[in-house]
């Protein structure tokens, strides 16, 4: 009952490859992001050079900026707790 009258026998199947997912190391991402910060309007040009989307590069830049704000990977000034102790006048003891 479910037989189609128009179905043909396949004699050849063509496989079209649309691309592979690439894995970028943290060092590669950092190098690409730093290159995109090198001058004005370099986001699109840098993304084209490496074959990635502009949005992916912008996401990497955003991630790098948020990591620096959170203090990851950078050593900067830190707060140290201060203890305030009331001063006492010096005592003189008779020896």
PDB file of N, CA and C in Angstrom:
ATOM      1  N   UNK A   1       0.795  -1.188   0.000  1.00  0.00           N
ATOM      2  CA  UNK A   1       0.000   0.000   0.000  1.00  0.00           C
ATOM      3  C   UNK A   1       0.846   1.263   0.000  1.00  0.00           C
ATOM      4  N   UNK A   2       1.997   1.230   0.610  1.00  0.00           N
ATOM      5  CA  UNK A   2       2.831   2.411   0.705  1.00  0.00           C
ATOM      6  C   UNK A   2       3.838   2.511  -0.433  1.00  0.00           C
ATOM      7  N   UNK A   3       3.611   1.813  -1.476  1.00  0.00           N
ATOM      8  CA  UNK A   3       4.541   1.834  -2.597  1.00  0.00           C
ATOM      9  C   UNK A   3       4.229   3.052  -3.459  1.00  0.00           C
ATOM     10  N   UNK A   4       5.297   3.831  -3.736  1.00  0.00           N
ATOM     11  CA  UNK A   4       5.134   5.001  -4.588  1.00  0.00           C
ATOM     12  C   UNK A   4       5.352   4.590  -6.036  1.00  0.00           C
ATOM     13  N   UNK A   5       4.507   5.034  -6.876  1.00  0.00           N
ATOM     14  CA  UNK A   5       4.632   4.682  -8.292  1.00  0.00           C
ATOM     15  C   UNK A   5       5.762   5.466  -8.952  1.00  0.00           C
ATOM     16  N   UNK A   6       6.083   6.664  -8.387  1.00  0.00           N
ATOM     17  CA  UNK A   6       7.094   7.508  -9.003  1.00  0.00           C
ATOM     18  C   UNK A   6       8.500   7.254  -8.463  1.00  0.00           C
ATOM     19  N   UNK A   7       8.657   6.348  -7.512  1.00  0.00           N
ATOM     20  CA  UNK A   7       9.986   6.145  -6.924  1.00  0.00           C
ATOM     21  C   UNK A   7      10.911   5.466  -7.925  1.00  0.00           C
ATOM     22  N   UNK A   8      12.099   6.004  -8.029  1.00  0.00           N
ATOM     23  CA  UNK A   8      13.096   5.461  -8.943  1.00  0.00           C
ATOM     24  C   UNK A   8      14.186   4.785  -8.127  1.00  0.00           C
ATOM     25  N   UNK A   9      14.874   3.897  -8.768  1.00  0.00           N
ATOM     26  CA  UNK A   9      15.974   3.210  -8.115  1.00  0.00           C
ATOM     27  C   UNK A   9      17.186   4.127  -8.161  1.00  0.00           C
ATOM     28  N   UNK A  10      17.802   4.343  -6.989  1.00  0.00           N
ATOM     29  CA  UNK A  10      18.982   5.189  -6.931  1.00  0.00           C
ATOM     30  C   UNK A  10      20.188   4.412  -7.421  1.00  0.00           C
ATOM     31  N   UNK A  11      20.874   4.985  -8.372  1.00  0.00           N
ATOM     32  CA  UNK A  11      22.067   4.316  -8.866  1.00  0.00           C
ATOM     33  C   UNK A  11      23.325   5.041  -8.411  1.00  0.00           C
ATOM     34  N   UNK A  12      23.178   6.290  -7.986  1.00  0.00           N
ATOM     35  CA  UNK A  12      24.345   7.061  -7.580  1.00  0.00           C
ATOM     36  C   UNK A  12      23.930   8.050  -6.494  1.00  0.00           C
ATOM     37  N   UNK A  13      24.754   8.151  -5.455  1.00  0.00           N
ATOM     38  CA  UNK A  13      24.513   9.117  -4.379  1.00  0.00           C
ATOM     39  C   UNK A  13      25.695  10.068  -4.347  1.00  0.00           C
ATOM     40  N   UNK A  14      25.400  11.329  -4.354  1.00  0.00           N
ATOM     41  CA  UNK A  14      26.453  12.330  -4.304  1.00  0.00           C
ATOM     42  C   UNK A  14      26.489  12.940  -2.906  1.00  0.00           C
ATOM     43  N   UNK A  15      27.659  12.945  -2.304  1.00  0.00           N
ATOM     44  CA  UNK A  15      27.826  13.503  -0.967  1.00  0.00           C
ATOM     45  C   UNK A  15      28.531  14.842  -1.105  1.00  0.00           C
ATOM     46  N   UNK A  16      27.892  15.864  -0.597  1.00  0.00           N
ATOM     47  CA  UNK A  16      28.455  17.203  -0.651  1.00  0.00           C
ATOM     48  C   UNK A  16      28.940  17.556   0.743  1.00  0.00           C
ATOM     49  N   UNK A  17      30.220  17.870   0.843  1.00  0.00           N
ATOM     50  CA  UNK A  17      30.784  18.223   2.134  1.00  0.00           C
ATOM     51  C   UNK A  17      30.612  19.714   2.354  1.00  0.00           C
ATOM     52  N   UNK A  18      30.015  20.076   3.481  1.00  0.00           N
ATOM     53  CA  UNK A  18      29.760  21.490   3.765  1.00  0.00           C
ATOM     54  C   UNK A  18      30.839  22.101   4.641  1.00  0.00           C
ATOM     55  N   UNK A  19      31.769  21.339   5.093  1.00  0.00           N
ATOM     56  CA  UNK A  19      32.827  21.869   5.949  1.00  0.00           C
ATOM     57  C   UNK A  19      32.913  21.074   7.229  1.00  0.00           C
ATOM     58  N   UNK A  20      34.035  21.214   7.865  1.00  0.00           N
ATOM     59  CA  UNK A  20      34.244  20.494   9.110  1.00  0.00           C
ATOM     60  C   UNK A  20      34.373  21.482  10.248  1.00  0.00           C
ATOM     61  N   UNK A  21      33.983  21.027  11.389  1.00  0.00           N
ATOM     62  CA  UNK A  21      34.136  21.850  12.579  1.00  0.00           C
ATOM     63  C   UNK A  21      35.604  21.834  12.974  1.00  0.00           C
ATOM     64  N   UNK A  22      36.155  23.001  13.144  1.00  0.00           N
ATOM     65  CA  UNK A  22      37.563  23.101  13.514  1.00  0.00           C
ATOM     66  C   UNK A  22      37.683  23.323  15.007  1.00  0.00           C
ATOM     67  N   UNK A  23      38.759  22.874  15.546  1.00  0.00           N
ATOM     68  CA  UNK A  23      39.059  23.084  16.960  1.00  0.00           C
ATOM     69  C   UNK A  23      40.211  24.075  17.049  1.00  0.00           C
ATOM     70  N   UNK A  24      40.004  25.153  17.779  1.00  0.00           N
ATOM     71  CA  UNK A  24      41.032  26.163  17.950  1.00  0.00           C
ATOM     72  C   UNK A  24      41.566  26.062  19.369  1.00  0.00           C
ATOM     73  N   UNK A  25      42.870  26.054  19.520  1.00  0.00           N
ATOM     74  CA  UNK A  25      43.457  26.039  20.855  1.00  0.00           C
ATOM     75  C   UNK A  25      43.324  27.433  21.462  1.00  0.00           C
ATOM     76  N   UNK A  26      43.502  27.509  22.765  1.00  0.00           N
ATOM     77  CA  UNK A  26      43.415  28.808  23.436  1.00  0.00           C
ATOM     78  C   UNK A  26      44.485  29.762  22.932  1.00  0.00           C
ATOM     79  N   UNK A  27      45.670  29.232  22.657  1.00  0.00           N
ATOM     80  CA  UNK A  27      46.756  30.082  22.147  1.00  0.00           C
ATOM     81  C   UNK A  27      46.417  30.632  20.765  1.00  0.00           C
ATOM     82  N   UNK A  28      45.811  29.801  19.913  1.00  0.00           N
ATOM     83  CA  UNK A  28      45.425  30.264  18.573  1.00  0.00           C
ATOM     84  C   UNK A  28      44.339  31.331  18.667  1.00  0.00           C
ATOM     85  N   UNK A  29      43.359  31.102  19.540  1.00  0.00           N
ATOM     86  CA  UNK A  29      42.288  32.086  19.711  1.00  0.00           C
ATOM     87  C   UNK A  29      42.850  33.412  20.193  1.00  0.00           C
ATOM     88  N   UNK A  30      43.763  33.349  21.168  1.00  0.00           N
ATOM     89  CA  UNK A  30      44.355  34.566  21.702  1.00  0.00           C
ATOM     90  C   UNK A  30      45.122  35.318  20.621  1.00  0.00           C
ATOM     91  N   UNK A  31      45.886  34.605  19.805  1.00  0.00           N
ATOM     92  CA  UNK A  31      46.656  35.237  18.733  1.00  0.00           C
ATOM     93  C   UNK A  31      45.727  35.912  17.721  1.00  0.00           C
ATOM     94  N   UNK A  32      44.633  35.230  17.363  1.00  0.00           N
ATOM     95  CA  UNK A  32      43.680  35.785  16.395  1.00  0.00           C
ATOM     96  C   UNK A  32      42.981  37.013  16.975  1.00  0.00           C
ATOM     97  N   UNK A  33      42.589  36.940  18.244  1.00  0.00           N
ATOM     98  CA  UNK A  33      41.915  38.075  18.889  1.00  0.00           C
ATOM     99  C   UNK A  33      42.859  39.262  18.998  1.00  0.00           C
ATOM    100  N   UNK A  34      44.111  39.010  19.378  1.00  0.00           N
ATOM    101  CA  UNK A  34      45.071  40.112  19.470  1.00  0.00           C
ATOM    102  C   UNK A  34      45.303  40.759  18.108  1.00  0.00           C
ATOM    103  N   UNK A  35      45.313  39.940  17.069  1.00  0.00           N
ATOM    104  CA  UNK A  35      45.465  40.483  15.714  1.00  0.00           C
ATOM    105  C   UNK A  35      44.273  41.359  15.348  1.00  0.00           C
ATOM    106  N   UNK A  36      43.081  40.980  15.792  1.00  0.00           N
ATOM    107  CA  UNK A  36      41.886  41.764  15.468  1.00  0.00           C
ATOM    108  C   UNK A  36      41.866  43.098  16.209  1.00  0.00           C
ATOM    109  N   UNK A  37      42.601  43.212  17.333  1.00  0.00           N
ATOM    110  CA  UNK A  37      42.683  44.460  18.074  1.00  0.00           C
ATOM    111  C   UNK A  37      43.784  45.375  17.534  1.00  0.00           C
ATOM    112  N   UNK A  38      44.583  44.903  16.575  1.00  0.00           N
ATOM    113  CA  UNK A  38      45.766  45.634  16.116  1.00  0.00           C
ATOM    114  C   UNK A  38      45.445  46.964  15.444  1.00  0.00           C
ATOM    115  N   UNK A  39      44.299  47.095  14.832  1.00  0.00           N
ATOM    116  CA  UNK A  39      43.981  48.345  14.156  1.00  0.00           C
ATOM    117  C   UNK A  39      42.484  48.509  13.989  1.00  0.00           C
ATOM    118  N   UNK A  40      42.086  49.664  13.483  1.00  0.00           N
ATOM    119  CA  UNK A  40      40.648  49.895  13.293  1.00  0.00           C
ATOM    120  C   UNK A  40      40.074  49.033  12.169  1.00  0.00           C
ATOM    121  N   UNK A  41      38.859  48.601  12.353  1.00  0.00           N
ATOM    122  CA  UNK A  41      38.099  47.831  11.356  1.00  0.00           C
ATOM    123  C   UNK A  41      38.797  46.543  10.927  1.00  0.00           C
ATOM    124  N   UNK A  42      39.459  45.863  11.844  1.00  0.00           N
ATOM    125  CA  UNK A  42      40.145  44.629  11.479  1.00  0.00           C
ATOM    126  C   UNK A  42      39.375  43.368  11.854  1.00  0.00           C
ATOM    127  N   UNK A  43      38.209  43.491  12.457  1.00  0.00           N
ATOM    128  CA  UNK A  43      37.456  42.303  12.858  1.00  0.00           C
ATOM    129  C   UNK A  43      37.053  41.495  11.629  1.00  0.00           C
ATOM    130  N   UNK A  44      36.425  42.117  10.671  1.00  0.00           N
ATOM    131  CA  UNK A  44      35.963  41.399   9.480  1.00  0.00           C
ATOM    132  C   UNK A  44      37.128  40.856   8.665  1.00  0.00           C
ATOM    133  N   UNK A  45      38.172  41.667   8.495  1.00  0.00           N
ATOM    134  CA  UNK A  45      39.332  41.229   7.712  1.00  0.00           C
ATOM    135  C   UNK A  45      40.038  40.059   8.382  1.00  0.00           C
ATOM    136  N   UNK A  46      40.185  40.113   9.700  1.00  0.00           N
ATOM    137  CA  UNK A  46      40.838  39.023  10.430  1.00  0.00           C
ATOM    138  C   UNK A  46      39.988  37.761  10.359  1.00  0.00           C
ATOM    139  N   UNK A  47      38.685  37.901  10.505  1.00  0.00           N
ATOM    140  CA  UNK A  47      37.795  36.734  10.424  1.00  0.00           C
ATOM    141  C   UNK A  47      37.881  36.084   9.046  1.00  0.00           C
ATOM    142  N   UNK A  48      37.893  36.882   7.993  1.00  0.00           N
ATOM    143  CA  UNK A  48      38.020  36.325   6.638  1.00  0.00           C
ATOM    144  C   UNK A  48      39.351  35.616   6.452  1.00  0.00           C
ATOM    145  N   UNK A  49      40.428  36.206   6.980  1.00  0.00           N
ATOM    146  CA  UNK A  49      41.763  35.632   6.825  1.00  0.00           C
ATOM    147  C   UNK A  49      41.840  34.224   7.420  1.00  0.00           C
ATOM    148  N   UNK A  50      41.154  34.008   8.544  1.00  0.00           N
ATOM    149  CA  UNK A  50      41.211  32.706   9.206  1.00  0.00           C
ATOM    150  C   UNK A  50      40.020  31.814   8.877  1.00  0.00           C
ATOM    151  N   UNK A  51      39.116  32.296   8.052  1.00  0.00           N
ATOM    152  CA  UNK A  51      37.979  31.490   7.631  1.00  0.00           C
ATOM    153  C   UNK A  51      36.970  31.234   8.731  1.00  0.00           C
ATOM    154  N   UNK A  52      36.806  32.214   9.617  1.00  0.00           N
ATOM    155  CA  UNK A  52      35.811  32.091  10.682  1.00  0.00           C
ATOM    156  C   UNK A  52      34.795  33.206  10.514  1.00  0.00           C
ATOM    157  N   UNK A  53      33.661  33.059  11.183  1.00  0.00           N
ATOM    158  CA  UNK A  53      32.642  34.100  11.066  1.00  0.00           C
ATOM    159  C   UNK A  53      33.019  35.295  11.936  1.00  0.00           C
ATOM    160  N   UNK A  54      32.535  36.434  11.544  1.00  0.00           N
ATOM    161  CA  UNK A  54      32.781  37.666  12.288  1.00  0.00           C
ATOM    162  C   UNK A  54      32.208  37.541  13.696  1.00  0.00           C
ATOM    163  N   UNK A  55      31.038  36.916  13.806  1.00  0.00           N
ATOM    164  CA  UNK A  55      30.386  36.761  15.108  1.00  0.00           C
ATOM    165  C   UNK A  55      31.203  35.879  16.046  1.00  0.00           C
ATOM    166  N   UNK A  56      31.822  34.823  15.513  1.00  0.00           N
ATOM    167  CA  UNK A  56      32.660  33.960  16.342  1.00  0.00           C
ATOM    168  C   UNK A  56      33.841  34.744  16.893  1.00  0.00           C
ATOM    169  N   UNK A  57      34.463  35.560  16.051  1.00  0.00           N
ATOM    170  CA  UNK A  57      35.586  36.379  16.498  1.00  0.00           C
ATOM    171  C   UNK A  57      35.133  37.387  17.557  1.00  0.00           C
ATOM    172  N   UNK A  58      33.972  37.978  17.376  1.00  0.00           N
ATOM    173  CA  UNK A  58      33.451  38.914  18.376  1.00  0.00           C
ATOM    174  C   UNK A  58      33.162  38.201  19.697  1.00  0.00           C
ATOM    175  N   UNK A  59      32.682  36.952  19.633  1.00  0.00           N
ATOM    176  CA  UNK A  59      32.451  36.171  20.851  1.00  0.00           C
ATOM    177  C   UNK A  59      33.768  35.892  21.571  1.00  0.00           C
ATOM    178  N   UNK A  60      34.814  35.556  20.809  1.00  0.00           N
ATOM    179  CA  UNK A  60      36.132  35.328  21.419  1.00  0.00           C
ATOM    180  C   UNK A  60      36.645  36.593  22.080  1.00  0.00           C
ATOM    181  N   UNK A  61      36.447  37.746  21.429  1.00  0.00           N
ATOM    182  CA  UNK A  61      36.893  39.020  21.998  1.00  0.00           C
ATOM    183  C   UNK A  61      36.136  39.324  23.287  1.00  0.00           C
ATOM    184  N   UNK A  62      34.834  39.057  23.292  1.00  0.00           N
ATOM    185  CA  UNK A  62      34.013  39.297  24.476  1.00  0.00           C
ATOM    186  C   UNK A  62      34.450  38.393  25.624  1.00  0.00           C
ATOM    187  N   UNK A  63      34.734  37.136  25.311  1.00  0.00           N
ATOM    188  CA  UNK A  63      35.186  36.193  26.334  1.00  0.00           C
ATOM    189  C   UNK A  63      36.521  36.637  26.928  1.00  0.00           C
ATOM    190  N   UNK A  64      37.434  37.078  26.080  1.00  0.00           N
ATOM    191  CA  UNK A  64      38.734  37.555  26.550  1.00  0.00           C
ATOM    192  C   UNK A  64      38.567  38.771  27.457  1.00  0.00           C
ATOM    193  N   UNK A  65      37.703  39.692  27.069  1.00  0.00           N
ATOM    194  CA  UNK A  65      37.476  40.892  27.878  1.00  0.00           C
ATOM    195  C   UNK A  65      36.861  40.544  29.227  1.00  0.00           C
ATOM    196  N   UNK A  66      35.916  39.620  29.259  1.00  0.00           N
ATOM    197  CA  UNK A  66      35.287  39.251  30.526  1.00  0.00           C
ATOM    198  C   UNK A  66      36.267  38.497  31.420  1.00  0.00           C
ATOM    199  N   UNK A  67      37.182  37.715  30.835  1.00  0.00           N
ATOM    200  CA  UNK A  67      38.190  37.020  31.631  1.00  0.00           C
ATOM    201  C   UNK A  67      39.150  38.013  32.278  1.00  0.00           C
ATOM    202  N   UNK A  68      39.507  39.070  31.541  1.00  0.00           N
ATOM    203  CA  UNK A  68      40.399  40.076  32.113  1.00  0.00           C
ATOM    204  C   UNK A  68      39.707  40.857  33.214  1.00  0.00           C
ATOM    205  N   UNK A  69      38.409  41.125  33.047  1.00  0.00           N
ATOM    206  CA  UNK A  69      37.674  41.832  34.090  1.00  0.00           C
ATOM    207  C   UNK A  69      37.549  40.990  35.340  1.00  0.00           C
ATOM    208  N   UNK A  70      37.436  39.667  35.165  1.00  0.00           N
ATOM    209  CA  UNK A  70      37.290  38.767  36.309  1.00  0.00           C
ATOM    210  C   UNK A  70      38.626  38.504  36.993  1.00  0.00           C
ATOM    211  N   UNK A  71      39.725  38.938  36.374  1.00  0.00           N
ATOM    212  CA  UNK A  71      41.027  38.762  36.988  1.00  0.00           C
ATOM    213  C   UNK A  71      41.735  37.491  36.583  1.00  0.00           C
ATOM    214  N   UNK A  72      41.185  36.742  35.655  1.00  0.00           N
ATOM    215  CA  UNK A  72      41.824  35.512  35.206  1.00  0.00           C
ATOM    216  C   UNK A  72      42.989  35.856  34.291  1.00  0.00           C
ATOM    217  N   UNK A  73      44.123  35.274  34.557  1.00  0.00           N
ATOM    218  CA  UNK A  73      45.250  35.429  33.662  1.00  0.00           C
ATOM    219  C   UNK A  73      45.992  36.744  33.791  1.00  0.00           C
ATOM    220  N   UNK A  74      45.558  37.624  34.656  1.00  0.00           N
ATOM    221  CA  UNK A  74      46.277  38.879  34.805  1.00  0.00           C
ATOM    222  C   UNK A  74      46.524  39.137  36.283  1.00  0.00           C
ATOM    223  N   UNK A  75      47.665  39.703  36.568  1.00  0.00           N
ATOM    224  CA  UNK A  75      48.006  40.044  37.942  1.00  0.00           C
ATOM    225  C   UNK A  75      47.901  41.554  38.049  1.00  0.00           C
ATOM    226  N   UNK A  76      47.062  41.988  38.922  1.00  0.00           N
ATOM    227  CA  UNK A  76      46.852  43.419  39.084  1.00  0.00           C
ATOM    228  C   UNK A  76      46.782  43.756  40.553  1.00  0.00           C
ATOM    229  N   UNK A  77      46.413  44.975  40.843  1.00  0.00           N
ATOM    230  CA  UNK A  77      46.323  45.370  42.248  1.00  0.00           C
ATOM    231  C   UNK A  77      45.227  44.590  42.959  1.00  0.00           C
ATOM    232  N   UNK A  78      45.492  44.263  44.197  1.00  0.00           N
ATOM    233  CA  UNK A  78      44.510  43.546  44.999  1.00  0.00           C
ATOM    234  C   UNK A  78      44.293  44.321  46.294  1.00  0.00           C
ATOM    235  N   UNK A  79      43.203  44.061  46.950  1.00  0.00           N
ATOM    236  CA  UNK A  79      42.908  44.724  48.214  1.00  0.00           C
ATOM    237  C   UNK A  79      43.420  43.864  49.362  1.00  0.00           C
ATOM    238  N   UNK A  80      43.984  44.547  50.348  1.00  0.00           N
ATOM    239  CA  UNK A  80      44.489  43.881  51.540  1.00  0.00           C
ATOM    240  C   UNK A  80      43.708  44.429  52.716  1.00  0.00           C
ATOM    241  N   UNK A  81      43.212  43.550  53.596  1.00  0.00           N
ATOM    242  CA  UNK A  81      42.453  44.068  54.732  1.00  0.00           C
ATOM    243  C   UNK A  81      43.353  44.884  55.666  1.00  0.00           C
ATOM    244  N   UNK A  82      42.841  45.987  56.135  1.00  0.00           N
ATOM    245  CA  UNK A  82      43.580  46.840  57.069  1.00  0.00           C
ATOM    246  C   UNK A  82      42.945  46.729  58.447  1.00  0.00           C
ATOM    247  N   UNK A  83      43.769  46.661  59.450  1.00  0.00           N
ATOM    248  CA  UNK A  83      43.287  46.568  60.836  1.00  0.00           C
ATOM    249  C   UNK A  83      43.678  47.868  61.535  1.00  0.00           C
ATOM    250  N   UNK A  84      42.684  48.537  62.076  1.00  0.00           N
ATOM    251  CA  UNK A  84      42.921  49.791  62.782  1.00  0.00           C
ATOM    252  C   UNK A  84      42.925  49.494  64.273  1.00  0.00           C
ATOM    253  N   UNK A  85      44.044  49.810  64.907  1.00  0.00           N
ATOM    254  CA  UNK A  85      44.193  49.570  66.345  1.00  0.00           C
ATOM    255  C   UNK A  85      44.346  50.924  67.023  1.00  0.00           C
ATOM    256  N   UNK A  86      43.582  51.166  68.084  1.00  0.00           N
ATOM    257  CA  UNK A  86      43.729  52.463  68.776  1.00  0.00           C
ATOM    258  C   UNK A  86      45.123  52.556  69.398  1.00  0.00           C
ATOM    259  N   UNK A  87      45.667  53.745  69.304  1.00  0.00           N
ATOM    260  CA  UNK A  87      47.017  53.915  69.868  1.00  0.00           C
ATOM    261  C   UNK A  87      46.902  54.111  71.364  1.00  0.00           C
ATOM    262  N   UNK A  88      47.885  53.618  72.084  1.00  0.00           N
ATOM    263  CA  UNK A  88      47.935  53.787  73.542  1.00  0.00           C
ATOM    264  C   UNK A  88      49.149  54.644  73.879  1.00  0.00           C
ATOM    265  N   UNK A  89      49.009  55.502  74.831  1.00  0.00           N
ATOM    266  CA  UNK A  89      50.155  56.329  75.200  1.00  0.00           C
ATOM    267  C   UNK A  89      51.264  55.446  75.775  1.00  0.00           C
ATOM    268  N   UNK A  90      52.505  55.830  75.557  1.00  0.00           N
ATOM    269  CA  UNK A  90      53.593  55.019  76.097  1.00  0.00           C
ATOM    270  C   UNK A  90      53.574  55.064  77.629  1.00  0.00           C
ATOM    271  N   UNK A  91      53.879  53.932  78.213  1.00  0.00           N
ATOM    272  CA  UNK A  91      53.889  53.859  79.672  1.00  0.00           C
ATOM    273  C   UNK A  91      55.342  53.978  80.152  1.00  0.00           C
ATOM    274  N   UNK A  92      55.499  54.631  81.249  1.00  0.00           N
ATOM    275  CA  UNK A  92      56.832  54.743  81.832  1.00  0.00           C
ATOM    276  C   UNK A  92      56.857  53.928  83.120  1.00  0.00           C
ATOM    277  N   UNK A  93      57.758  53.039  83.158  1.00  0.00           N
ATOM    278  CA  UNK A  93      57.878  52.189  84.342  1.00  0.00           C
ATOM    279  C   UNK A  93      59.127  52.611  85.115  1.00  0.00           C
ATOM    280  N   UNK A  94      59.000  52.628  86.395  1.00  0.00           N
ATOM    281  CA  UNK A  94      60.160  52.965  87.236  1.00  0.00           C
ATOM    282  C   UNK A  94      60.978  51.693  87.421  1.00  0.00           C
ATOM    283  N   UNK A  95      62.205  51.792  87.040  1.00  0.00           N
ATOM    284  CA  UNK A  95      63.074  50.630  87.198  1.00  0.00           C
ATOM    285  C   UNK A  95      64.058  50.854  88.278  1.00  0.00           C
TER     286      UNK A  95
END
